[in-house]
Amino acid sequence: MMLILGIVLAISSWGFGYWRSRPVLDYYGPAAIALISKPDSVSALKLEPGNAFSDLKFGDQSFDIVAERPVTVARGYTNARDALTKRQTYEWPQDESTSETQSTSETQSSCEPEWTHALRFVQQKDIIVLLLSLECPRVALVGREGTLTLRPKVAAEFAKILSAELDGEAAEAEPPGEPAE
């Protein structure tokens, strides 16, 4: 009897885990989820609009990398990285359980993402880049169509981590003789 109960509980747990991660898995795909979950290295990138010769492209937009810093051991990074693979990190169309969520969702669906940051995940020869829009909280996987809407609190945490890691880099990226803003 205990064996049957154990099997039922294990199957229920697996089913719940599958349900919880399915929409995220559908967007990123299994290879990207694996790379996000266990990368060899991760770099935070600060982006500016680029031109046709820029290396980083998403849809019809191009970006230049103006600052880069490894964040694999940055404070808060591990939790932020793990959050990227969780369903509750994102707002989904059926997440309209409160009026606050509805008004937030309406505002976010009407905003246009401005891709100012990215995370580059590397595992051996595999590389993925996630674009981040923090004002209009979205994330996009370079090479894949569409975006996911981040919950505002999650976007705020990413903003803290990226600001802490890249502010020093941004000042160093300024041309000599010109003050950093």
N, C-alpha and C. Protein backbone atom coordinates (compact mmCIF):
# COMPACT_ATOMS: atom_id res chain seq x y z
N MET A 1 0.81 -1.19 0.00
CA MET A 1 0.00 0.00 0.00
C MET A 1 0.86 1.27 0.00
N MET A 2 1.91 1.27 0.80
CA MET A 2 2.81 2.43 0.87
C MET A 2 3.52 2.62 -0.47
N LEU A 3 3.86 1.54 -1.14
CA LEU A 3 4.52 1.63 -2.44
C LEU A 3 3.59 2.29 -3.46
N ILE A 4 2.33 1.92 -3.46
CA ILE A 4 1.36 2.52 -4.38
C ILE A 4 1.19 4.00 -4.08
N LEU A 5 1.09 4.36 -2.81
CA LEU A 5 0.98 5.77 -2.41
C LEU A 5 2.22 6.55 -2.86
N GLY A 6 3.38 5.96 -2.68
CA GLY A 6 4.63 6.60 -3.11
C GLY A 6 4.66 6.84 -4.61
N ILE A 7 4.21 5.86 -5.38
CA ILE A 7 4.17 5.98 -6.84
C ILE A 7 3.18 7.07 -7.25
N VAL A 8 2.00 7.10 -6.64
CA VAL A 8 0.99 8.12 -6.95
C VAL A 8 1.54 9.51 -6.63
N LEU A 9 2.18 9.68 -5.48
CA LEU A 9 2.74 10.98 -5.11
C LEU A 9 3.87 11.39 -6.05
N ALA A 10 4.70 10.46 -6.45
CA ALA A 10 5.79 10.77 -7.38
C ALA A 10 5.25 11.21 -8.74
N ILE A 11 4.25 10.51 -9.23
CA ILE A 11 3.63 10.88 -10.52
C ILE A 11 2.96 12.24 -10.41
N SER A 12 2.28 12.49 -9.29
CA SER A 12 1.64 13.80 -9.09
C SER A 12 2.67 14.91 -9.06
N SER A 13 3.77 14.68 -8.38
CA SER A 13 4.83 15.68 -8.29
C SER A 13 5.42 15.94 -9.67
N TRP A 14 5.69 14.90 -10.43
CA TRP A 14 6.23 15.05 -11.78
C TRP A 14 5.24 15.82 -12.66
N GLY A 15 3.96 15.48 -12.57
CA GLY A 15 2.93 16.15 -13.37
C GLY A 15 2.82 17.62 -13.03
N PHE A 16 2.90 17.96 -11.74
CA PHE A 16 2.83 19.36 -11.33
C PHE A 16 4.06 20.12 -11.84
N GLY A 17 5.23 19.51 -11.71
CA GLY A 17 6.46 20.15 -12.21
C GLY A 17 6.40 20.38 -13.71
N TYR A 18 5.89 19.40 -14.42
CA TYR A 18 5.74 19.51 -15.87
C TYR A 18 4.77 20.65 -16.21
N TRP A 19 3.63 20.71 -15.54
CA TRP A 19 2.64 21.76 -15.79
C TRP A 19 3.24 23.13 -15.49
N ARG A 20 4.00 23.24 -14.39
CA ARG A 20 4.58 24.51 -13.98
C ARG A 20 5.59 25.05 -14.98
N SER A 21 6.34 24.18 -15.61
CA SER A 21 7.40 24.64 -16.50
C SER A 21 7.05 24.57 -17.98
N ARG A 22 5.93 24.01 -18.34
CA ARG A 22 5.61 23.77 -19.75
C ARG A 22 5.61 25.02 -20.63
N PRO A 23 4.94 26.13 -20.25
CA PRO A 23 4.95 27.29 -21.15
C PRO A 23 6.35 27.87 -21.36
N VAL A 24 7.18 27.84 -20.32
CA VAL A 24 8.54 28.35 -20.43
C VAL A 24 9.34 27.43 -21.34
N LEU A 25 9.17 26.13 -21.16
CA LEU A 25 9.84 25.14 -22.00
C LEU A 25 9.41 25.30 -23.46
N ASP A 26 8.13 25.55 -23.69
CA ASP A 26 7.63 25.75 -25.05
C ASP A 26 8.31 26.94 -25.73
N TYR A 27 8.53 28.03 -24.98
CA TYR A 27 9.15 29.21 -25.58
C TYR A 27 10.65 29.00 -25.80
N TYR A 28 11.38 28.63 -24.76
CA TYR A 28 12.84 28.53 -24.85
C TYR A 28 13.30 27.28 -25.58
N GLY A 29 12.62 26.17 -25.35
CA GLY A 29 13.06 24.89 -25.89
C GLY A 29 13.98 24.20 -24.90
N PRO A 30 14.07 22.86 -24.98
CA PRO A 30 14.84 22.10 -24.00
C PRO A 30 16.33 22.45 -23.98
N ALA A 31 16.93 22.70 -25.15
CA ALA A 31 18.37 23.00 -25.19
C ALA A 31 18.68 24.32 -24.48
N ALA A 32 17.86 25.34 -24.71
CA ALA A 32 18.08 26.63 -24.05
C ALA A 32 17.84 26.54 -22.55
N ILE A 33 16.81 25.80 -22.13
CA ILE A 33 16.54 25.62 -20.70
C ILE A 33 17.74 24.94 -20.04
N ALA A 34 18.28 23.91 -20.68
CA ALA A 34 19.45 23.23 -20.12
C ALA A 34 20.64 24.17 -20.02
N LEU A 35 20.84 25.00 -21.02
CA LEU A 35 21.96 25.93 -21.01
C LEU A 35 21.78 27.01 -19.94
N ILE A 36 20.56 27.52 -19.79
CA ILE A 36 20.28 28.52 -18.75
C ILE A 36 20.49 27.89 -17.36
N SER A 37 20.08 26.64 -17.20
CA SER A 37 20.15 25.98 -15.90
C SER A 37 21.57 25.65 -15.46
N LYS A 38 22.44 25.28 -16.39
CA LYS A 38 23.80 24.87 -16.03
C LYS A 38 24.84 25.41 -17.01
N PRO A 39 25.01 26.73 -17.04
CA PRO A 39 26.00 27.30 -17.96
C PRO A 39 27.41 27.21 -17.39
N ASP A 40 28.39 27.21 -18.28
CA ASP A 40 29.79 27.31 -17.85
C ASP A 40 30.09 28.75 -17.44
N SER A 41 29.52 29.70 -18.20
CA SER A 41 29.71 31.11 -17.87
C SER A 41 28.51 31.91 -18.36
N VAL A 42 28.32 33.06 -17.72
CA VAL A 42 27.25 33.98 -18.09
C VAL A 42 27.82 35.39 -18.05
N SER A 43 27.50 36.17 -19.07
CA SER A 43 27.93 37.57 -19.13
C SER A 43 26.71 38.46 -19.22
N ALA A 44 26.76 39.57 -18.47
CA ALA A 44 25.74 40.62 -18.59
C ALA A 44 26.24 41.57 -19.67
N LEU A 45 25.34 41.97 -20.55
CA LEU A 45 25.69 42.86 -21.65
C LEU A 45 24.84 44.12 -21.58
N LYS A 46 25.46 45.25 -21.82
CA LYS A 46 24.71 46.51 -21.96
C LYS A 46 24.65 46.80 -23.45
N LEU A 47 23.45 47.09 -23.94
CA LEU A 47 23.22 47.24 -25.37
C LEU A 47 22.84 48.66 -25.75
N GLU A 48 23.19 49.02 -26.97
CA GLU A 48 22.71 50.24 -27.61
C GLU A 48 22.30 49.87 -29.03
N PRO A 49 21.37 50.65 -29.61
CA PRO A 49 20.98 50.35 -30.99
C PRO A 49 22.20 50.34 -31.89
N GLY A 50 22.21 49.37 -32.78
CA GLY A 50 23.34 49.22 -33.69
C GLY A 50 22.95 49.49 -35.13
N ASN A 51 23.73 48.93 -36.03
CA ASN A 51 23.47 49.09 -37.46
C ASN A 51 23.54 47.74 -38.14
N ALA A 52 23.54 47.73 -39.44
CA ALA A 52 23.53 46.48 -40.21
C ALA A 52 24.77 45.62 -39.94
N PHE A 53 25.83 46.23 -39.43
CA PHE A 53 27.07 45.49 -39.19
C PHE A 53 27.19 44.98 -37.76
N SER A 54 26.20 45.23 -36.92
CA SER A 54 26.22 44.78 -35.53
C SER A 54 26.10 43.26 -35.48
N ASP A 55 26.74 42.67 -34.47
CA ASP A 55 26.73 41.22 -34.33
C ASP A 55 25.44 40.67 -33.73
N LEU A 56 24.76 41.45 -32.91
CA LEU A 56 23.59 40.97 -32.19
C LEU A 56 22.33 41.50 -32.85
N LYS A 57 21.45 40.58 -33.28
CA LYS A 57 20.24 40.98 -33.99
C LYS A 57 19.04 40.24 -33.40
N PHE A 58 17.90 40.96 -33.38
CA PHE A 58 16.63 40.35 -32.97
C PHE A 58 15.57 40.95 -33.87
N GLY A 59 14.93 40.11 -34.66
CA GLY A 59 13.96 40.61 -35.63
C GLY A 59 14.67 41.55 -36.59
N ASP A 60 14.13 42.76 -36.75
CA ASP A 60 14.76 43.73 -37.65
C ASP A 60 15.63 44.73 -36.88
N GLN A 61 15.90 44.46 -35.60
CA GLN A 61 16.72 45.34 -34.78
C GLN A 61 18.14 44.78 -34.65
N SER A 62 19.11 45.70 -34.58
CA SER A 62 20.51 45.33 -34.38
C SER A 62 21.03 46.05 -33.15
N PHE A 63 21.99 45.43 -32.47
CA PHE A 63 22.50 45.99 -31.22
C PHE A 63 24.01 45.91 -31.17
N ASP A 64 24.60 46.95 -30.59
CA ASP A 64 26.03 46.96 -30.28
C ASP A 64 26.17 46.68 -28.79
N ILE A 65 27.17 45.91 -28.43
CA ILE A 65 27.46 45.64 -27.02
C ILE A 65 28.43 46.73 -26.56
N VAL A 66 28.00 47.56 -25.61
CA VAL A 66 28.83 48.67 -25.15
C VAL A 66 29.51 48.36 -23.81
N ALA A 67 29.06 47.35 -23.11
CA ALA A 67 29.71 46.91 -21.88
C ALA A 67 29.39 45.43 -21.68
N GLU A 68 30.35 44.72 -21.09
CA GLU A 68 30.17 43.29 -20.84
C GLU A 68 30.89 42.94 -19.55
N ARG A 69 30.24 42.10 -18.76
CA ARG A 69 30.85 41.71 -17.49
C ARG A 69 30.38 40.31 -17.12
N PRO A 70 31.29 39.44 -16.68
CA PRO A 70 30.86 38.12 -16.22
C PRO A 70 30.03 38.25 -14.95
N VAL A 71 28.94 37.49 -14.87
CA VAL A 71 28.05 37.58 -13.70
C VAL A 71 27.80 36.22 -13.06
N THR A 72 28.55 35.23 -13.44
CA THR A 72 28.31 33.87 -12.94
C THR A 72 28.34 33.82 -11.42
N VAL A 73 29.16 34.65 -10.78
CA VAL A 73 29.24 34.65 -9.32
C VAL A 73 28.69 35.94 -8.70
N ALA A 74 27.96 36.74 -9.47
CA ALA A 74 27.40 37.99 -8.96
C ALA A 74 26.33 37.71 -7.92
N ARG A 75 26.22 38.62 -6.96
CA ARG A 75 25.22 38.49 -5.90
C ARG A 75 23.81 38.50 -6.52
N GLY A 76 23.02 37.49 -6.17
CA GLY A 76 21.64 37.41 -6.65
C GLY A 76 21.49 36.74 -8.01
N TYR A 77 22.62 36.50 -8.68
CA TYR A 77 22.56 35.95 -10.03
C TYR A 77 21.95 34.54 -10.08
N THR A 78 22.35 33.67 -9.17
CA THR A 78 21.87 32.28 -9.22
C THR A 78 20.35 32.22 -9.11
N ASN A 79 19.78 32.99 -8.19
CA ASN A 79 18.32 33.00 -8.06
C ASN A 79 17.67 33.60 -9.30
N ALA A 80 18.25 34.66 -9.85
CA ALA A 80 17.70 35.28 -11.05
C ALA A 80 17.76 34.32 -12.23
N ARG A 81 18.88 33.62 -12.36
CA ARG A 81 19.02 32.64 -13.45
C ARG A 81 17.99 31.53 -13.31
N ASP A 82 17.84 31.01 -12.10
CA ASP A 82 16.86 29.95 -11.88
C ASP A 82 15.44 30.44 -12.18
N ALA A 83 15.16 31.70 -11.87
CA ALA A 83 13.82 32.25 -12.11
C ALA A 83 13.47 32.26 -13.59
N LEU A 84 14.46 32.38 -14.45
CA LEU A 84 14.19 32.41 -15.89
C LEU A 84 13.51 31.15 -16.40
N THR A 85 13.66 30.04 -15.69
CA THR A 85 13.07 28.78 -16.14
C THR A 85 11.75 28.44 -15.42
N LYS A 86 11.25 29.36 -14.61
CA LYS A 86 10.03 29.11 -13.84
C LYS A 86 8.82 29.84 -14.40
N ARG A 87 7.70 29.17 -14.42
CA ARG A 87 6.45 29.72 -14.94
C ARG A 87 6.03 31.00 -14.20
N GLN A 88 6.20 31.03 -12.88
CA GLN A 88 5.73 32.16 -12.08
C GLN A 88 6.56 33.43 -12.28
N THR A 89 7.64 33.37 -13.00
CA THR A 89 8.47 34.54 -13.31
C THR A 89 7.79 35.43 -14.35
N TYR A 90 6.92 34.84 -15.13
CA TYR A 90 6.32 35.52 -16.28
C TYR A 90 4.82 35.72 -16.07
N GLU A 91 4.28 36.69 -16.79
CA GLU A 91 2.84 36.90 -16.80
C GLU A 91 2.28 36.18 -18.03
N TRP A 92 1.26 35.40 -17.79
CA TRP A 92 0.61 34.65 -18.86
C TRP A 92 -0.80 35.19 -19.04
N PRO A 93 -1.40 35.04 -20.20
CA PRO A 93 -2.75 35.58 -20.42
C PRO A 93 -3.77 35.14 -19.38
N GLN A 94 -3.67 33.94 -18.84
CA GLN A 94 -4.64 33.47 -17.85
C GLN A 94 -4.30 33.92 -16.44
N ASP A 95 -3.25 34.72 -16.23
CA ASP A 95 -2.84 35.19 -14.91
C ASP A 95 -3.63 36.43 -14.46
N GLU A 96 -4.84 36.59 -14.90
CA GLU A 96 -5.60 37.80 -14.60
C GLU A 96 -6.54 37.56 -13.42
N SER A 97 -5.97 37.15 -12.28
CA SER A 97 -6.78 36.82 -11.12
C SER A 97 -7.14 38.04 -10.27
N THR A 98 -6.41 39.15 -10.44
CA THR A 98 -6.73 40.35 -9.68
C THR A 98 -6.80 41.54 -10.61
N SER A 99 -7.47 42.60 -10.16
CA SER A 99 -7.56 43.80 -10.99
C SER A 99 -6.19 44.45 -11.14
N GLU A 100 -5.31 44.32 -10.10
CA GLU A 100 -3.96 44.88 -10.19
C GLU A 100 -3.18 44.19 -11.31
N THR A 101 -3.30 42.86 -11.37
CA THR A 101 -2.63 42.12 -12.43
C THR A 101 -3.19 42.52 -13.79
N GLN A 102 -4.51 42.72 -13.88
CA GLN A 102 -5.10 43.09 -15.16
C GLN A 102 -4.59 44.45 -15.62
N SER A 103 -4.57 45.44 -14.73
CA SER A 103 -4.12 46.76 -15.17
C SER A 103 -2.64 46.74 -15.52
N THR A 104 -1.84 45.96 -14.77
CA THR A 104 -0.42 45.83 -15.10
C THR A 104 -0.25 45.16 -16.46
N SER A 105 -1.01 44.10 -16.70
CA SER A 105 -0.92 43.39 -17.97
C SER A 105 -1.31 44.28 -19.14
N GLU A 106 -2.36 45.09 -18.96
CA GLU A 106 -2.79 45.99 -20.03
C GLU A 106 -1.71 47.01 -20.33
N THR A 107 -1.08 47.57 -19.29
CA THR A 107 -0.02 48.55 -19.48
C THR A 107 1.16 47.91 -20.20
N GLN A 108 1.55 46.71 -19.76
CA GLN A 108 2.71 46.07 -20.34
C GLN A 108 2.46 45.61 -21.77
N SER A 109 1.22 45.24 -22.10
CA SER A 109 0.97 44.82 -23.47
C SER A 109 0.97 46.01 -24.42
N SER A 110 0.74 47.21 -23.88
CA SER A 110 0.74 48.39 -24.74
C SER A 110 2.11 49.04 -24.85
N CYS A 111 3.07 48.62 -24.04
CA CYS A 111 4.40 49.23 -24.12
C CYS A 111 5.24 48.51 -25.19
N GLU A 112 6.24 49.21 -25.67
CA GLU A 112 7.15 48.66 -26.69
C GLU A 112 8.49 48.36 -26.01
N PRO A 113 8.96 47.10 -26.04
CA PRO A 113 10.22 46.78 -25.38
C PRO A 113 11.40 47.56 -25.97
N GLU A 114 12.25 48.06 -25.09
CA GLU A 114 13.50 48.67 -25.50
C GLU A 114 14.60 47.77 -24.95
N TRP A 115 15.27 47.06 -25.83
CA TRP A 115 16.25 46.06 -25.43
C TRP A 115 17.55 46.76 -25.04
N THR A 116 17.76 46.92 -23.73
CA THR A 116 18.92 47.65 -23.23
C THR A 116 19.98 46.75 -22.61
N HIS A 117 19.60 45.52 -22.28
CA HIS A 117 20.52 44.59 -21.64
C HIS A 117 20.33 43.19 -22.21
N ALA A 118 21.31 42.36 -21.97
CA ALA A 118 21.20 40.96 -22.40
C ALA A 118 22.03 40.10 -21.46
N LEU A 119 21.73 38.82 -21.45
CA LEU A 119 22.52 37.83 -20.75
C LEU A 119 22.98 36.81 -21.78
N ARG A 120 24.29 36.57 -21.81
CA ARG A 120 24.86 35.57 -22.74
C ARG A 120 25.26 34.35 -21.91
N PHE A 121 24.63 33.21 -22.22
CA PHE A 121 24.90 31.95 -21.54
C PHE A 121 25.78 31.10 -22.44
N VAL A 122 26.87 30.56 -21.88
CA VAL A 122 27.81 29.75 -22.65
C VAL A 122 28.02 28.43 -21.93
N GLN A 123 27.93 27.35 -22.69
CA GLN A 123 28.24 26.02 -22.18
C GLN A 123 29.00 25.30 -23.29
N GLN A 124 30.28 25.14 -23.09
CA GLN A 124 31.18 24.60 -24.10
C GLN A 124 31.05 25.42 -25.39
N LYS A 125 30.54 24.85 -26.47
CA LYS A 125 30.42 25.60 -27.72
C LYS A 125 29.01 26.16 -27.95
N ASP A 126 28.10 25.85 -27.04
CA ASP A 126 26.73 26.34 -27.18
C ASP A 126 26.59 27.72 -26.54
N ILE A 127 25.90 28.63 -27.23
CA ILE A 127 25.69 29.99 -26.74
C ILE A 127 24.25 30.39 -27.02
N ILE A 128 23.61 30.99 -26.02
CA ILE A 128 22.32 31.64 -26.23
C ILE A 128 22.39 33.04 -25.64
N VAL A 129 21.60 33.93 -26.18
CA VAL A 129 21.53 35.30 -25.67
C VAL A 129 20.07 35.63 -25.39
N LEU A 130 19.81 36.10 -24.16
CA LEU A 130 18.48 36.57 -23.79
C LEU A 130 18.51 38.08 -23.72
N LEU A 131 17.66 38.72 -24.49
CA LEU A 131 17.53 40.18 -24.43
C LEU A 131 16.59 40.54 -23.30
N LEU A 132 16.89 41.64 -22.60
CA LEU A 132 16.05 42.09 -21.50
C LEU A 132 15.63 43.53 -21.71
N SER A 133 14.34 43.76 -21.60
CA SER A 133 13.78 45.10 -21.58
C SER A 133 13.24 45.30 -20.18
N LEU A 134 13.81 46.23 -19.44
CA LEU A 134 13.46 46.36 -18.03
C LEU A 134 12.34 47.37 -17.77
N GLU A 135 12.22 48.38 -18.61
CA GLU A 135 11.14 49.37 -18.44
C GLU A 135 9.80 48.80 -18.88
N CYS A 136 9.81 48.10 -19.98
CA CYS A 136 8.65 47.36 -20.48
C CYS A 136 9.04 45.89 -20.29
N PRO A 137 8.80 45.34 -19.10
CA PRO A 137 9.48 44.11 -18.69
C PRO A 137 9.23 42.90 -19.59
N ARG A 138 10.20 42.68 -20.45
CA ARG A 138 10.12 41.55 -21.39
C ARG A 138 11.47 40.87 -21.49
N VAL A 139 11.43 39.64 -21.93
CA VAL A 139 12.64 38.88 -22.24
C VAL A 139 12.42 38.22 -23.59
N ALA A 140 13.50 38.13 -24.38
CA ALA A 140 13.42 37.50 -25.70
C ALA A 140 14.66 36.68 -25.93
N LEU A 141 14.48 35.53 -26.52
CA LEU A 141 15.59 34.67 -26.88
C LEU A 141 16.01 35.01 -28.31
N VAL A 142 17.26 35.43 -28.48
CA VAL A 142 17.75 35.76 -29.81
C VAL A 142 17.67 34.50 -30.68
N GLY A 143 17.10 34.65 -31.86
CA GLY A 143 16.92 33.52 -32.77
C GLY A 143 15.54 32.90 -32.70
N ARG A 144 14.72 33.38 -31.80
CA ARG A 144 13.36 32.87 -31.64
C ARG A 144 12.39 34.04 -31.74
N GLU A 145 11.26 33.84 -32.34
CA GLU A 145 10.26 34.90 -32.44
C GLU A 145 9.50 35.03 -31.13
N GLY A 146 8.98 36.21 -30.89
CA GLY A 146 8.14 36.45 -29.73
C GLY A 146 8.94 36.83 -28.49
N THR A 147 8.19 37.23 -27.47
CA THR A 147 8.79 37.62 -26.20
C THR A 147 7.96 37.04 -25.07
N LEU A 148 8.52 37.03 -23.88
CA LEU A 148 7.79 36.68 -22.67
C LEU A 148 7.74 37.93 -21.79
N THR A 149 6.62 38.14 -21.12
CA THR A 149 6.45 39.29 -20.23
C THR A 149 6.88 38.91 -18.83
N LEU A 150 7.89 39.62 -18.31
CA LEU A 150 8.36 39.40 -16.95
C LEU A 150 7.41 40.07 -15.96
N ARG A 151 7.25 39.47 -14.82
CA ARG A 151 6.51 40.13 -13.74
C ARG A 151 7.34 41.35 -13.31
N PRO A 152 6.70 42.45 -12.95
CA PRO A 152 7.43 43.68 -12.60
C PRO A 152 8.47 43.49 -11.49
N LYS A 153 8.15 42.70 -10.46
CA LYS A 153 9.12 42.48 -9.37
C LYS A 153 10.36 41.74 -9.87
N VAL A 154 10.18 40.82 -10.78
CA VAL A 154 11.31 40.08 -11.33
C VAL A 154 12.17 41.02 -12.17
N ALA A 155 11.53 41.85 -12.99
CA ALA A 155 12.28 42.82 -13.80
C ALA A 155 13.06 43.76 -12.91
N ALA A 156 12.48 44.17 -11.78
CA ALA A 156 13.18 45.06 -10.84
C ALA A 156 14.42 44.37 -10.26
N GLU A 157 14.33 43.08 -9.97
CA GLU A 157 15.49 42.36 -9.45
C GLU A 157 16.59 42.24 -10.52
N PHE A 158 16.18 41.96 -11.76
CA PHE A 158 17.18 41.93 -12.83
C PHE A 158 17.83 43.30 -13.00
N ALA A 159 17.04 44.36 -12.89
CA ALA A 159 17.59 45.72 -13.02
C ALA A 159 18.63 45.98 -11.94
N LYS A 160 18.38 45.53 -10.71
CA LYS A 160 19.35 45.71 -9.61
C LYS A 160 20.65 44.99 -9.92
N ILE A 161 20.55 43.75 -10.33
CA ILE A 161 21.75 42.95 -10.60
C ILE A 161 22.53 43.56 -11.76
N LEU A 162 21.85 43.88 -12.84
CA LEU A 162 22.54 44.42 -14.02
C LEU A 162 23.14 45.79 -13.72
N SER A 163 22.45 46.60 -12.96
CA SER A 163 22.97 47.91 -12.60
C SER A 163 24.22 47.76 -11.75
N ALA A 164 24.17 46.89 -10.75
CA ALA A 164 25.32 46.68 -9.87
C ALA A 164 26.53 46.16 -10.65
N GLU A 165 26.29 45.30 -11.62
CA GLU A 165 27.40 44.70 -12.36
C GLU A 165 27.92 45.56 -13.50
N LEU A 166 27.04 46.32 -14.15
CA LEU A 166 27.45 47.05 -15.36
C LEU A 166 27.71 48.54 -15.16
N ASP A 167 27.28 49.12 -14.04
CA ASP A 167 27.51 50.56 -13.85
C ASP A 167 28.99 50.90 -13.91
N GLY A 168 29.82 50.12 -13.28
CA GLY A 168 31.26 50.35 -13.35
C GLY A 168 31.77 50.17 -14.76
N GLU A 169 31.27 49.17 -15.46
CA GLU A 169 31.66 48.92 -16.86
C GLU A 169 31.21 50.06 -17.76
N ALA A 170 30.00 50.61 -17.49
CA ALA A 170 29.49 51.68 -18.34
C ALA A 170 30.38 52.90 -18.23
N ALA A 171 30.87 53.19 -17.01
CA ALA A 171 31.75 54.34 -16.84
C ALA A 171 33.06 54.12 -17.58
N GLU A 172 33.58 52.88 -17.56
CA GLU A 172 34.82 52.58 -18.26
C GLU A 172 34.65 52.61 -19.77
N ALA A 173 33.41 52.39 -20.26
CA ALA A 173 33.17 52.35 -21.69
C ALA A 173 33.11 53.75 -22.31
N GLU A 174 33.01 54.80 -21.47
CA GLU A 174 32.97 56.17 -21.99
C GLU A 174 34.31 56.51 -22.62
N PRO A 175 34.32 57.28 -23.70
CA PRO A 175 35.58 57.71 -24.30
C PRO A 175 36.39 58.53 -23.32
N PRO A 176 37.74 58.43 -23.37
CA PRO A 176 38.57 59.19 -22.44
C PRO A 176 38.30 60.68 -22.57
N GLY A 177 38.30 61.35 -21.43
CA GLY A 177 38.12 62.80 -21.44
C GLY A 177 36.68 63.24 -21.36
N GLU A 178 35.72 62.29 -21.50
CA GLU A 178 34.31 62.64 -21.39
C GLU A 178 33.76 62.04 -20.11
N PRO A 179 33.09 62.84 -19.30
CA PRO A 179 32.57 62.30 -18.04
C PRO A 179 31.43 61.32 -18.28
N ALA A 180 31.35 60.32 -17.41
CA ALA A 180 30.23 59.38 -17.46
C ALA A 180 29.00 60.06 -16.90
N GLU A 181 27.83 59.77 -17.47
CA GLU A 181 26.58 60.39 -16.98
C GLU A 181 26.05 59.63 -15.81
